[in-house]
Structures are given as structure tokens and as C-alpha cells.
């Protein structure tokens, strides 16, 4: 039986507990600003400028199972892109695109009428980005900045990226900076939702 923590990582926060910037550089927000649970580590990562679901646990085997690309754990993102991709661009993403480190696996892609997400802080500037489109992408690999590189490859750079699911775990019900604890029962590999804590309560 293992504990796993589901965290909604805010925009412009490192997905680690320390900032290794040098002297004289402005400090950046880290996980230590919003969650204080000893001995836990992130299973995978999200870029500083990305948002959404991050999983943390003190179970090394579980971290390996979640983050190792060989397990092909599906990850779902809601992505706001520049412009309005046509079906040809979406089909390219579905079939896989050729990046500098090789072809991507086929992705599941659909256009969204609404993101279902709260506005980001700070929001996008509508004067700089007058036409944008929300997509939902599910991929089963984890290359560096992969989703951003995929959408740029088809001519529609990513402006905002929010991870909403990793395998069976979903972001549902968590605002930026909030987290909850779940219990994973290894024999059945399922999660139970106990009465949970929501997370700004664990502040430094």
C-alpha cells in the first residue's frame, strides 16, 4: 500500500523542491512552497511554464512505473495553440510527426470548444494572440517538451499547456496550488479516495 499525492502545479513553478539558480538570480517558486510532505519526490516532471497534474510519492518502484517511458503511461493535455489547426494538421499529430529525435508515436487528438479550465495567472494577451484553439492531446511517451514541439511542427505553437491526466489519475477538482492524497493498493493497482486534504494548507 502506497500513498500518492496529486498536485496541480501552477504556471511558472519548478517541478522540484529546490531551485538551483546561482547567486544574484531571482528565486523561482518550487514545490516546497505548496506541499510539505517529507520524503516524497515527483514521478516525472512538468516544465516551468507548463501547468497541471504532477504525481508525487515516496515509493521508488511506483515512481519508476509512472515515469519510465517503457511503461507507455498515457498522459493527457489540454493545449491552447496559436491559430486554428485544420484537419490535416490534426491528422499529422494523430499519425505521428518527425521531430529531431525521431518519429513520435501516434497521438489521440481532438478539438475542444472550451478548455474547462480557469484562466491562467497571468492570462494570455489577446492583442498578441487574437486567434487561438484548444486541443486535447493524449500521448504515451515523454520526450522533452514533446507536446510543444509537436504542435510547433504542424505550424501551431503551444501558448498554454495543462496536463489533466496521467494514466488513471486525473486533475479533476484541484485548483492551481492544491493537492490531495490517495492510497494505492498494490495487489489491485487501484486508488481509493479517502477523506482528503486539499492543499494550500501545507504552506511554508
N, C-alpha and C. Protein backbone atom coordinates (compact mmCIF):
# COMPACT_ATOMS: atom_id res chain seq x y z
N UNK A 1 0.86 -1.19 0.00
CA UNK A 1 0.00 0.00 0.00
C UNK A 1 0.89 1.24 0.00
N UNK A 2 0.68 2.12 -0.95
CA UNK A 2 1.49 3.32 -1.09
C UNK A 2 0.61 4.55 -1.12
N UNK A 3 1.18 5.66 -0.64
CA UNK A 3 0.49 6.95 -0.75
C UNK A 3 0.98 7.66 -2.01
N UNK A 4 0.04 8.28 -2.69
CA UNK A 4 0.39 9.08 -3.86
C UNK A 4 -0.31 10.43 -3.72
N UNK A 5 0.38 11.47 -4.10
CA UNK A 5 -0.12 12.84 -3.95
C UNK A 5 -0.34 13.43 -5.34
N UNK A 6 -1.54 13.90 -5.57
CA UNK A 6 -1.91 14.54 -6.83
C UNK A 6 -1.87 16.04 -6.62
N UNK A 7 -1.03 16.72 -7.37
CA UNK A 7 -0.81 18.15 -7.21
C UNK A 7 -1.11 18.86 -8.52
N UNK A 8 -1.80 20.00 -8.42
CA UNK A 8 -2.00 20.88 -9.57
C UNK A 8 -0.86 21.90 -9.56
N UNK A 9 0.17 21.63 -10.36
CA UNK A 9 1.32 22.53 -10.40
C UNK A 9 0.94 23.82 -11.12
N UNK A 10 1.14 24.95 -10.48
CA UNK A 10 0.81 26.22 -11.14
C UNK A 10 1.81 26.59 -12.24
N UNK A 11 1.42 27.54 -13.04
CA UNK A 11 2.29 28.15 -14.05
C UNK A 11 3.48 28.81 -13.36
N UNK A 12 4.64 28.71 -14.00
CA UNK A 12 5.88 29.30 -13.51
C UNK A 12 6.24 28.80 -12.12
N UNK A 13 6.26 27.49 -11.99
CA UNK A 13 6.75 26.83 -10.78
C UNK A 13 7.60 25.64 -11.21
N UNK A 14 8.74 25.43 -10.55
CA UNK A 14 9.57 24.27 -10.83
C UNK A 14 8.90 23.01 -10.30
N UNK A 15 9.06 21.90 -11.00
CA UNK A 15 8.50 20.63 -10.53
C UNK A 15 9.53 19.89 -9.67
N UNK A 16 10.16 20.63 -8.77
CA UNK A 16 11.13 20.10 -7.82
C UNK A 16 11.07 20.97 -6.56
N UNK A 17 11.77 20.49 -5.52
CA UNK A 17 11.66 21.16 -4.22
C UNK A 17 12.72 22.23 -3.98
N UNK A 18 13.71 22.31 -4.84
CA UNK A 18 14.75 23.33 -4.68
C UNK A 18 15.01 24.00 -6.02
N UNK A 19 15.52 25.23 -5.94
CA UNK A 19 15.88 25.99 -7.13
C UNK A 19 17.40 26.11 -7.15
N UNK A 20 18.02 25.62 -8.21
CA UNK A 20 19.49 25.61 -8.27
C UNK A 20 20.05 26.83 -8.97
N UNK A 21 19.31 27.91 -9.00
CA UNK A 21 19.85 29.14 -9.61
C UNK A 21 21.03 29.67 -8.82
N UNK A 22 21.90 30.35 -9.51
CA UNK A 22 23.10 30.88 -8.87
C UNK A 22 22.83 32.14 -8.06
N UNK A 23 23.86 32.61 -7.38
CA UNK A 23 23.76 33.82 -6.57
C UNK A 23 23.41 35.02 -7.46
N UNK A 24 22.56 35.86 -6.94
CA UNK A 24 22.18 37.07 -7.65
C UNK A 24 21.01 36.89 -8.59
N UNK A 25 20.60 35.65 -8.84
CA UNK A 25 19.45 35.41 -9.71
C UNK A 25 18.18 35.34 -8.88
N UNK A 26 17.10 35.84 -9.43
CA UNK A 26 15.83 35.85 -8.70
C UNK A 26 15.35 34.42 -8.45
N UNK A 27 14.95 34.10 -7.23
CA UNK A 27 14.47 32.75 -6.94
C UNK A 27 13.15 32.47 -7.65
N UNK A 28 12.93 31.20 -7.98
CA UNK A 28 11.70 30.78 -8.62
C UNK A 28 10.87 29.95 -7.63
N UNK A 29 9.56 29.93 -7.84
CA UNK A 29 8.69 29.11 -6.99
C UNK A 29 9.01 27.63 -7.18
N UNK A 30 8.93 26.86 -6.09
CA UNK A 30 9.18 25.43 -6.13
C UNK A 30 8.04 24.69 -5.43
N UNK A 31 8.07 23.35 -5.52
CA UNK A 31 7.05 22.55 -4.86
C UNK A 31 7.03 22.77 -3.35
N UNK A 32 8.18 23.12 -2.79
CA UNK A 32 8.26 23.35 -1.34
C UNK A 32 7.38 24.51 -0.89
N UNK A 33 6.97 25.36 -1.82
CA UNK A 33 6.10 26.48 -1.46
C UNK A 33 4.66 26.05 -1.20
N UNK A 34 4.27 24.88 -1.70
CA UNK A 34 2.86 24.50 -1.57
C UNK A 34 2.62 23.12 -0.96
N UNK A 35 3.64 22.26 -0.89
CA UNK A 35 3.41 20.94 -0.31
C UNK A 35 4.59 20.59 0.60
N UNK A 36 4.26 20.22 1.84
CA UNK A 36 5.28 19.85 2.80
C UNK A 36 4.99 18.45 3.31
N UNK A 37 5.40 17.47 2.54
CA UNK A 37 5.28 16.06 2.92
C UNK A 37 6.68 15.49 2.83
N UNK A 38 7.26 15.05 3.95
CA UNK A 38 8.66 14.61 3.91
C UNK A 38 8.85 13.35 3.08
N UNK A 39 9.96 13.32 2.33
CA UNK A 39 10.37 12.11 1.64
C UNK A 39 9.72 11.82 0.32
N UNK A 40 8.89 12.73 -0.18
CA UNK A 40 8.24 12.46 -1.47
C UNK A 40 9.01 13.12 -2.60
N UNK A 41 8.90 12.50 -3.77
CA UNK A 41 9.54 13.01 -4.98
C UNK A 41 8.54 12.94 -6.13
N UNK A 42 8.75 13.82 -7.11
CA UNK A 42 7.86 13.84 -8.27
C UNK A 42 8.14 12.64 -9.17
N UNK A 43 7.07 12.01 -9.65
CA UNK A 43 7.17 10.93 -10.63
C UNK A 43 7.02 11.57 -12.01
N UNK A 44 8.14 11.90 -12.63
CA UNK A 44 8.11 12.68 -13.85
C UNK A 44 8.20 14.16 -13.55
N UNK A 45 7.92 14.97 -14.55
CA UNK A 45 8.07 16.40 -14.36
C UNK A 45 7.13 17.16 -15.28
N UNK A 46 6.99 18.44 -14.99
CA UNK A 46 6.33 19.39 -15.87
C UNK A 46 7.25 20.59 -16.01
N UNK A 47 7.32 21.15 -17.20
CA UNK A 47 8.18 22.31 -17.40
C UNK A 47 7.72 23.49 -16.55
N UNK A 48 8.64 24.40 -16.32
CA UNK A 48 8.38 25.60 -15.52
C UNK A 48 7.16 26.37 -16.04
N UNK A 49 7.01 26.44 -17.38
CA UNK A 49 5.93 27.22 -17.96
C UNK A 49 4.70 26.37 -18.30
N UNK A 50 4.67 25.12 -17.84
CA UNK A 50 3.50 24.26 -18.02
C UNK A 50 2.76 24.12 -16.70
N UNK A 51 1.52 23.67 -16.78
CA UNK A 51 0.66 23.57 -15.60
C UNK A 51 0.05 22.17 -15.51
N UNK A 52 -0.59 21.91 -14.37
CA UNK A 52 -1.41 20.72 -14.30
C UNK A 52 -0.91 19.63 -13.39
N UNK A 53 -1.32 18.40 -13.71
CA UNK A 53 -1.16 17.27 -12.81
C UNK A 53 0.28 16.82 -12.69
N UNK A 54 0.74 16.76 -11.43
CA UNK A 54 2.04 16.22 -11.09
C UNK A 54 1.81 15.21 -9.97
N UNK A 55 2.39 14.02 -10.11
CA UNK A 55 2.25 12.97 -9.10
C UNK A 55 3.51 12.89 -8.25
N UNK A 56 3.32 12.76 -6.94
CA UNK A 56 4.44 12.64 -6.01
C UNK A 56 4.21 11.45 -5.09
N UNK A 57 5.30 10.77 -4.73
CA UNK A 57 5.21 9.63 -3.82
C UNK A 57 6.58 9.37 -3.21
N UNK A 58 6.61 8.56 -2.13
CA UNK A 58 7.88 8.13 -1.56
C UNK A 58 8.20 6.70 -1.96
N UNK A 59 7.42 6.12 -2.86
CA UNK A 59 7.58 4.75 -3.31
C UNK A 59 8.40 4.74 -4.60
N UNK A 60 9.66 4.31 -4.51
CA UNK A 60 10.55 4.33 -5.67
C UNK A 60 10.07 3.47 -6.81
N UNK A 61 9.51 2.30 -6.50
CA UNK A 61 9.01 1.41 -7.56
C UNK A 61 7.83 2.06 -8.29
N UNK A 62 6.99 2.76 -7.54
CA UNK A 62 5.85 3.43 -8.15
C UNK A 62 6.32 4.58 -9.03
N UNK A 63 7.31 5.33 -8.58
CA UNK A 63 7.88 6.40 -9.41
C UNK A 63 8.38 5.83 -10.74
N UNK A 64 9.08 4.70 -10.67
CA UNK A 64 9.59 4.06 -11.88
C UNK A 64 8.45 3.64 -12.80
N UNK A 65 7.40 3.07 -12.23
CA UNK A 65 6.28 2.58 -13.02
C UNK A 65 5.54 3.73 -13.71
N UNK A 66 5.46 4.87 -13.05
CA UNK A 66 4.74 6.01 -13.62
C UNK A 66 5.58 6.74 -14.65
N UNK A 67 6.86 6.93 -14.35
CA UNK A 67 7.68 7.84 -15.17
C UNK A 67 8.48 7.15 -16.27
N UNK A 68 8.73 5.86 -16.17
CA UNK A 68 9.54 5.17 -17.17
C UNK A 68 8.78 5.09 -18.49
N UNK A 69 9.36 5.63 -19.59
CA UNK A 69 8.66 5.61 -20.88
C UNK A 69 8.31 4.20 -21.36
N UNK A 70 9.05 3.19 -20.90
CA UNK A 70 8.79 1.83 -21.38
C UNK A 70 7.41 1.33 -20.95
N UNK A 71 6.84 1.94 -19.89
CA UNK A 71 5.50 1.54 -19.44
C UNK A 71 4.39 2.20 -20.25
N UNK A 72 4.75 3.17 -21.10
CA UNK A 72 3.80 3.81 -22.00
C UNK A 72 2.55 4.32 -21.27
N UNK A 73 2.79 4.95 -20.12
CA UNK A 73 1.67 5.50 -19.34
C UNK A 73 1.05 6.67 -20.11
N UNK A 74 -0.21 6.60 -20.50
CA UNK A 74 -0.79 7.70 -21.27
C UNK A 74 -0.89 8.98 -20.45
N UNK A 75 -0.61 10.09 -21.09
CA UNK A 75 -0.70 11.40 -20.46
C UNK A 75 -1.57 12.28 -21.35
N UNK A 76 -2.54 12.95 -20.73
CA UNK A 76 -3.47 13.78 -21.49
C UNK A 76 -3.27 15.25 -21.14
N UNK A 77 -3.25 16.08 -22.16
CA UNK A 77 -3.00 17.51 -22.02
C UNK A 77 -4.11 18.30 -22.71
N UNK A 78 -4.44 19.44 -22.12
CA UNK A 78 -5.25 20.43 -22.82
C UNK A 78 -4.29 21.55 -23.22
N UNK A 79 -4.31 21.85 -24.51
CA UNK A 79 -3.28 22.69 -25.11
C UNK A 79 -3.93 23.82 -25.89
N UNK A 80 -3.57 25.05 -25.56
CA UNK A 80 -4.03 26.22 -26.30
C UNK A 80 -2.96 26.57 -27.32
N UNK A 81 -3.31 26.51 -28.60
CA UNK A 81 -2.33 26.74 -29.65
C UNK A 81 -2.65 28.01 -30.43
N UNK A 82 -1.63 28.52 -31.08
CA UNK A 82 -1.77 29.69 -31.95
C UNK A 82 -2.56 29.30 -33.20
N UNK A 83 -3.53 30.16 -33.58
CA UNK A 83 -4.25 29.94 -34.82
C UNK A 83 -5.33 28.88 -34.69
N UNK A 84 -5.73 28.34 -35.84
CA UNK A 84 -6.81 27.34 -35.90
C UNK A 84 -6.35 26.18 -36.77
N UNK A 85 -5.86 25.09 -36.17
CA UNK A 85 -5.36 23.96 -36.96
C UNK A 85 -6.47 23.34 -37.81
N UNK A 86 -6.14 23.01 -39.05
CA UNK A 86 -7.11 22.31 -39.89
C UNK A 86 -6.99 20.81 -39.64
N UNK A 87 -7.85 20.03 -40.30
CA UNK A 87 -7.86 18.59 -40.07
C UNK A 87 -6.56 17.93 -40.52
N UNK A 88 -5.92 18.50 -41.53
CA UNK A 88 -4.65 17.95 -41.99
C UNK A 88 -3.59 18.03 -40.88
N UNK A 89 -3.55 19.16 -40.16
CA UNK A 89 -2.59 19.32 -39.06
C UNK A 89 -2.91 18.34 -37.93
N UNK A 90 -4.21 18.19 -37.61
CA UNK A 90 -4.59 17.27 -36.54
C UNK A 90 -4.29 15.83 -36.93
N UNK A 91 -4.52 15.48 -38.20
CA UNK A 91 -4.21 14.13 -38.66
C UNK A 91 -2.72 13.84 -38.58
N UNK A 92 -1.90 14.84 -38.84
CA UNK A 92 -0.44 14.65 -38.71
C UNK A 92 -0.07 14.28 -37.28
N UNK A 93 -0.69 14.96 -36.31
CA UNK A 93 -0.42 14.64 -34.91
C UNK A 93 -0.91 13.24 -34.58
N UNK A 94 -2.04 12.87 -35.13
CA UNK A 94 -2.60 11.54 -34.85
C UNK A 94 -1.72 10.42 -35.42
N UNK A 95 -1.07 10.70 -36.55
CA UNK A 95 -0.25 9.68 -37.20
C UNK A 95 1.17 9.64 -36.65
N UNK A 96 1.61 10.74 -36.03
CA UNK A 96 2.99 10.85 -35.58
C UNK A 96 3.75 11.81 -36.47
N UNK A 97 4.59 12.64 -35.86
CA UNK A 97 5.37 13.62 -36.62
C UNK A 97 6.85 13.38 -36.40
N UNK A 98 7.64 13.82 -37.36
CA UNK A 98 9.10 13.61 -37.31
C UNK A 98 9.75 14.78 -36.58
N UNK A 99 10.21 14.54 -35.36
CA UNK A 99 10.95 15.54 -34.59
C UNK A 99 12.44 15.28 -34.72
N UNK A 100 13.25 16.14 -34.17
CA UNK A 100 14.70 15.99 -34.30
C UNK A 100 15.21 14.70 -33.65
N UNK A 101 14.46 14.16 -32.68
CA UNK A 101 14.87 12.91 -32.03
C UNK A 101 14.02 11.73 -32.50
N UNK A 102 13.42 11.83 -33.68
CA UNK A 102 12.71 10.70 -34.27
C UNK A 102 11.20 10.90 -34.34
N UNK A 103 10.54 9.94 -34.94
CA UNK A 103 9.09 9.99 -35.09
C UNK A 103 8.41 9.81 -33.73
N UNK A 104 7.35 10.58 -33.52
CA UNK A 104 6.54 10.39 -32.32
C UNK A 104 5.55 9.25 -32.55
N UNK A 105 5.12 8.65 -31.46
CA UNK A 105 4.04 7.68 -31.57
C UNK A 105 2.74 8.41 -31.92
N UNK A 106 1.80 7.73 -32.54
CA UNK A 106 0.51 8.37 -32.82
C UNK A 106 -0.14 8.91 -31.54
N UNK A 107 -0.73 10.08 -31.64
CA UNK A 107 -1.40 10.72 -30.51
C UNK A 107 -2.91 10.72 -30.73
N UNK A 108 -3.65 10.72 -29.65
CA UNK A 108 -5.09 10.96 -29.73
C UNK A 108 -5.29 12.46 -29.66
N UNK A 109 -6.04 13.02 -30.59
CA UNK A 109 -6.19 14.48 -30.67
C UNK A 109 -7.65 14.81 -30.96
N UNK A 110 -8.17 15.79 -30.23
CA UNK A 110 -9.49 16.31 -30.56
C UNK A 110 -9.53 17.80 -30.28
N UNK A 111 -10.34 18.48 -31.05
CA UNK A 111 -10.54 19.91 -30.87
C UNK A 111 -11.56 20.14 -29.75
N UNK A 112 -11.35 21.16 -28.92
CA UNK A 112 -12.27 21.47 -27.82
C UNK A 112 -12.95 22.81 -28.07
N UNK A 113 -14.25 22.86 -27.81
CA UNK A 113 -14.95 24.14 -27.88
C UNK A 113 -14.57 25.02 -26.71
N UNK A 114 -14.35 24.40 -25.54
CA UNK A 114 -13.94 25.12 -24.33
C UNK A 114 -12.91 24.27 -23.59
N UNK A 115 -12.00 24.93 -22.92
CA UNK A 115 -10.95 24.19 -22.21
C UNK A 115 -11.45 23.55 -20.93
N UNK A 116 -12.48 24.16 -20.30
CA UNK A 116 -12.91 23.69 -18.99
C UNK A 116 -11.98 24.08 -17.87
N UNK A 117 -11.03 24.98 -18.16
CA UNK A 117 -10.03 25.40 -17.18
C UNK A 117 -10.24 26.86 -16.79
N UNK A 118 -9.80 27.19 -15.59
CA UNK A 118 -9.80 28.59 -15.18
C UNK A 118 -8.73 29.35 -15.97
N UNK A 119 -8.91 30.65 -16.07
CA UNK A 119 -7.93 31.48 -16.76
C UNK A 119 -6.60 31.45 -16.01
N UNK A 120 -5.53 31.47 -16.78
CA UNK A 120 -4.20 31.44 -16.19
C UNK A 120 -3.84 32.79 -15.58
N UNK A 121 -2.97 32.74 -14.57
CA UNK A 121 -2.42 33.96 -13.99
C UNK A 121 -0.91 33.98 -14.22
N UNK A 122 -0.40 34.95 -15.02
CA UNK A 122 -1.14 35.97 -15.79
C UNK A 122 -1.77 35.37 -17.04
N UNK A 123 -2.85 35.97 -17.54
CA UNK A 123 -3.52 35.43 -18.73
C UNK A 123 -2.74 35.73 -20.00
N UNK A 124 -3.09 35.04 -21.07
CA UNK A 124 -2.53 35.36 -22.37
C UNK A 124 -3.01 36.74 -22.80
N UNK A 125 -2.20 37.43 -23.56
CA UNK A 125 -2.56 38.75 -24.07
C UNK A 125 -3.34 38.58 -25.38
N UNK A 126 -4.64 38.92 -25.40
CA UNK A 126 -5.44 38.71 -26.62
C UNK A 126 -4.98 39.59 -27.79
N UNK A 127 -4.30 40.67 -27.51
CA UNK A 127 -3.79 41.51 -28.59
C UNK A 127 -2.64 40.82 -29.32
N UNK A 128 -1.83 40.10 -28.58
CA UNK A 128 -0.71 39.36 -29.19
C UNK A 128 -1.18 38.05 -29.82
N UNK A 129 -2.26 37.48 -29.26
CA UNK A 129 -2.75 36.17 -29.73
C UNK A 129 -4.26 36.27 -29.96
N UNK A 130 -4.67 36.94 -31.04
CA UNK A 130 -6.11 37.16 -31.26
C UNK A 130 -6.88 35.90 -31.61
N UNK A 131 -6.22 34.89 -32.20
CA UNK A 131 -6.90 33.66 -32.60
C UNK A 131 -6.16 32.45 -32.00
N UNK A 132 -6.84 31.74 -31.13
CA UNK A 132 -6.26 30.54 -30.53
C UNK A 132 -7.29 29.40 -30.56
N UNK A 133 -6.79 28.18 -30.38
CA UNK A 133 -7.64 27.00 -30.39
C UNK A 133 -7.20 26.07 -29.26
N UNK A 134 -8.17 25.47 -28.59
CA UNK A 134 -7.88 24.47 -27.56
C UNK A 134 -7.96 23.08 -28.17
N UNK A 135 -6.94 22.27 -27.89
CA UNK A 135 -6.90 20.87 -28.29
C UNK A 135 -6.71 20.01 -27.05
N UNK A 136 -7.15 18.76 -27.16
CA UNK A 136 -6.80 17.76 -26.14
C UNK A 136 -5.96 16.69 -26.82
N UNK A 137 -4.76 16.48 -26.28
CA UNK A 137 -3.82 15.50 -26.82
C UNK A 137 -3.50 14.46 -25.77
N UNK A 138 -3.49 13.19 -26.17
CA UNK A 138 -3.03 12.12 -25.30
C UNK A 138 -1.86 11.44 -25.98
N UNK A 139 -0.74 11.37 -25.27
CA UNK A 139 0.47 10.73 -25.79
C UNK A 139 0.91 9.65 -24.81
N UNK A 140 1.76 8.74 -25.28
CA UNK A 140 2.21 7.64 -24.43
C UNK A 140 3.73 7.58 -24.34
N UNK A 141 4.36 8.73 -24.52
CA UNK A 141 5.81 8.83 -24.33
C UNK A 141 6.10 10.17 -23.68
N UNK A 142 7.34 10.39 -23.28
CA UNK A 142 7.62 11.59 -22.50
C UNK A 142 8.91 12.27 -22.88
N UNK A 143 9.05 12.64 -24.13
CA UNK A 143 10.25 13.36 -24.56
C UNK A 143 10.21 14.80 -24.04
N UNK A 144 11.38 15.42 -24.04
CA UNK A 144 11.48 16.78 -23.55
C UNK A 144 10.62 17.73 -24.38
N UNK A 145 9.70 18.42 -23.71
CA UNK A 145 8.82 19.43 -24.33
C UNK A 145 8.13 18.86 -25.58
N UNK A 146 7.72 17.62 -25.49
CA UNK A 146 7.22 16.93 -26.67
C UNK A 146 5.97 17.55 -27.26
N UNK A 147 4.97 17.83 -26.45
CA UNK A 147 3.73 18.37 -26.99
C UNK A 147 3.98 19.72 -27.66
N UNK A 148 4.77 20.56 -27.03
CA UNK A 148 5.08 21.86 -27.63
C UNK A 148 5.78 21.69 -28.97
N UNK A 149 6.69 20.75 -29.05
CA UNK A 149 7.41 20.52 -30.30
C UNK A 149 6.49 19.95 -31.37
N UNK A 150 5.55 19.11 -30.96
CA UNK A 150 4.61 18.52 -31.93
C UNK A 150 3.71 19.58 -32.54
N UNK A 151 3.13 20.44 -31.70
CA UNK A 151 2.22 21.44 -32.26
C UNK A 151 2.98 22.48 -33.09
N UNK A 152 4.19 22.81 -32.68
CA UNK A 152 5.00 23.74 -33.48
C UNK A 152 5.33 23.12 -34.84
N UNK A 153 5.57 21.81 -34.86
CA UNK A 153 5.91 21.12 -36.09
C UNK A 153 4.79 21.24 -37.13
N UNK A 154 3.55 21.26 -36.68
CA UNK A 154 2.42 21.38 -37.63
C UNK A 154 1.97 22.83 -37.80
N UNK A 155 2.78 23.76 -37.32
CA UNK A 155 2.54 25.18 -37.60
C UNK A 155 1.67 25.92 -36.61
N UNK A 156 1.47 25.33 -35.40
CA UNK A 156 0.61 25.97 -34.41
C UNK A 156 1.27 25.89 -33.03
N UNK A 157 2.15 26.85 -32.73
CA UNK A 157 2.89 26.81 -31.46
C UNK A 157 1.97 26.78 -30.25
N UNK A 158 2.39 26.07 -29.23
CA UNK A 158 1.63 25.99 -27.98
C UNK A 158 1.82 27.27 -27.18
N UNK A 159 0.71 27.84 -26.72
CA UNK A 159 0.73 29.04 -25.89
C UNK A 159 0.48 28.70 -24.42
N UNK A 160 -0.30 27.66 -24.19
CA UNK A 160 -0.59 27.24 -22.81
C UNK A 160 -0.76 25.73 -22.82
N UNK A 161 -0.19 25.06 -21.82
CA UNK A 161 -0.24 23.61 -21.75
C UNK A 161 -0.59 23.20 -20.33
N UNK A 162 -1.65 22.39 -20.20
CA UNK A 162 -2.11 21.92 -18.89
C UNK A 162 -2.29 20.40 -18.95
N UNK A 163 -1.55 19.68 -18.12
CA UNK A 163 -1.72 18.23 -18.08
C UNK A 163 -2.91 17.90 -17.17
N UNK A 164 -3.86 17.13 -17.71
CA UNK A 164 -5.08 16.85 -16.95
C UNK A 164 -5.18 15.39 -16.50
N UNK A 165 -4.33 14.51 -17.02
CA UNK A 165 -4.40 13.10 -16.60
C UNK A 165 -3.07 12.41 -16.85
N UNK A 166 -2.74 11.49 -15.94
CA UNK A 166 -1.63 10.56 -16.11
C UNK A 166 -2.19 9.18 -15.78
N UNK A 167 -2.30 8.32 -16.79
CA UNK A 167 -2.91 7.02 -16.55
C UNK A 167 -4.29 7.18 -15.93
N UNK A 168 -4.55 6.52 -14.79
CA UNK A 168 -5.87 6.61 -14.17
C UNK A 168 -6.09 7.84 -13.29
N UNK A 169 -5.02 8.61 -13.07
CA UNK A 169 -5.12 9.76 -12.17
C UNK A 169 -5.49 11.02 -12.95
N UNK A 170 -6.44 11.81 -12.40
CA UNK A 170 -6.93 12.99 -13.10
C UNK A 170 -6.83 14.23 -12.21
N UNK A 171 -6.76 15.36 -12.87
CA UNK A 171 -6.63 16.65 -12.19
C UNK A 171 -7.94 17.11 -11.57
N UNK A 172 -9.03 16.47 -11.89
CA UNK A 172 -10.38 16.92 -11.52
C UNK A 172 -10.46 17.42 -10.07
N UNK A 173 -11.04 18.61 -9.91
CA UNK A 173 -11.32 19.14 -8.57
C UNK A 173 -10.20 19.87 -7.90
N UNK A 174 -9.04 19.97 -8.54
CA UNK A 174 -7.90 20.66 -7.93
C UNK A 174 -7.63 21.98 -8.64
N UNK A 175 -7.62 23.06 -7.88
CA UNK A 175 -7.23 24.37 -8.40
C UNK A 175 -5.71 24.47 -8.37
N UNK A 176 -5.12 25.41 -9.12
CA UNK A 176 -3.67 25.58 -9.08
C UNK A 176 -3.16 25.75 -7.65
N UNK A 177 -2.14 24.97 -7.29
CA UNK A 177 -1.56 25.03 -5.96
C UNK A 177 -2.21 24.09 -4.96
N UNK A 178 -3.28 23.40 -5.35
CA UNK A 178 -3.94 22.45 -4.45
C UNK A 178 -3.45 21.04 -4.71
N UNK A 179 -3.59 20.18 -3.69
CA UNK A 179 -3.19 18.78 -3.82
C UNK A 179 -4.09 17.90 -2.95
N UNK A 180 -4.07 16.61 -3.25
CA UNK A 180 -4.78 15.65 -2.42
C UNK A 180 -3.98 14.35 -2.34
N UNK A 181 -4.23 13.60 -1.29
CA UNK A 181 -3.56 12.32 -1.07
C UNK A 181 -4.50 11.17 -1.41
N UNK A 182 -3.98 10.18 -2.11
CA UNK A 182 -4.74 8.97 -2.38
C UNK A 182 -3.90 7.77 -1.95
N UNK A 183 -4.58 6.64 -1.71
CA UNK A 183 -3.89 5.42 -1.31
C UNK A 183 -3.96 4.42 -2.45
N UNK A 184 -2.81 3.90 -2.81
CA UNK A 184 -2.73 2.92 -3.88
C UNK A 184 -2.57 1.54 -3.26
N UNK A 185 -3.50 0.64 -3.56
CA UNK A 185 -3.43 -0.72 -3.05
C UNK A 185 -2.77 -1.59 -4.12
N UNK A 186 -1.56 -2.00 -3.86
CA UNK A 186 -0.73 -2.67 -4.87
C UNK A 186 -1.36 -3.91 -5.48
N UNK A 187 -1.98 -4.81 -4.72
CA UNK A 187 -2.49 -6.03 -5.34
C UNK A 187 -3.49 -5.78 -6.46
N UNK A 188 -4.32 -4.73 -6.31
CA UNK A 188 -5.31 -4.44 -7.34
C UNK A 188 -4.90 -3.28 -8.22
N UNK A 189 -3.82 -2.59 -7.83
CA UNK A 189 -3.33 -1.44 -8.58
C UNK A 189 -4.43 -0.41 -8.82
N UNK A 190 -5.20 -0.13 -7.78
CA UNK A 190 -6.27 0.86 -7.87
C UNK A 190 -6.09 1.89 -6.78
N UNK A 191 -6.77 3.00 -6.90
CA UNK A 191 -6.69 4.04 -5.89
C UNK A 191 -7.98 4.14 -5.13
N UNK A 192 -7.87 4.55 -3.88
CA UNK A 192 -9.05 4.82 -3.06
C UNK A 192 -9.02 6.29 -2.70
N UNK A 193 -10.17 6.92 -2.69
CA UNK A 193 -10.23 8.33 -2.33
C UNK A 193 -10.72 8.45 -0.90
N UNK A 194 -9.79 8.58 0.08
CA UNK A 194 -10.21 8.78 1.46
C UNK A 194 -10.66 10.22 1.63
N UNK A 195 -11.24 10.56 2.79
CA UNK A 195 -11.47 11.99 3.04
C UNK A 195 -10.13 12.69 2.88
N UNK A 196 -10.02 13.63 1.95
CA UNK A 196 -8.70 14.11 1.60
C UNK A 196 -8.50 15.56 2.00
N UNK A 197 -7.21 15.87 2.04
CA UNK A 197 -6.81 17.24 2.34
C UNK A 197 -6.58 17.95 1.04
N UNK A 198 -7.04 19.15 0.94
CA UNK A 198 -6.74 19.99 -0.20
C UNK A 198 -5.73 21.01 0.23
N UNK A 199 -4.86 21.24 -0.65
CA UNK A 199 -3.61 21.67 -0.37
C UNK A 199 -3.04 22.96 -0.11
N UNK A 200 -3.67 24.08 -0.04
CA UNK A 200 -2.90 25.26 0.35
C UNK A 200 -2.62 25.22 1.85
N UNK A 201 -3.18 24.23 2.54
CA UNK A 201 -2.97 24.14 3.98
C UNK A 201 -1.57 23.75 4.37
N UNK A 202 -0.78 23.23 3.43
CA UNK A 202 0.58 22.81 3.74
C UNK A 202 1.56 23.87 3.25
N UNK A 203 1.51 25.03 3.79
CA UNK A 203 2.35 26.13 3.35
C UNK A 203 3.61 26.25 4.20
N UNK A 204 4.65 26.82 3.57
CA UNK A 204 5.82 27.18 4.36
C UNK A 204 5.53 28.46 5.11
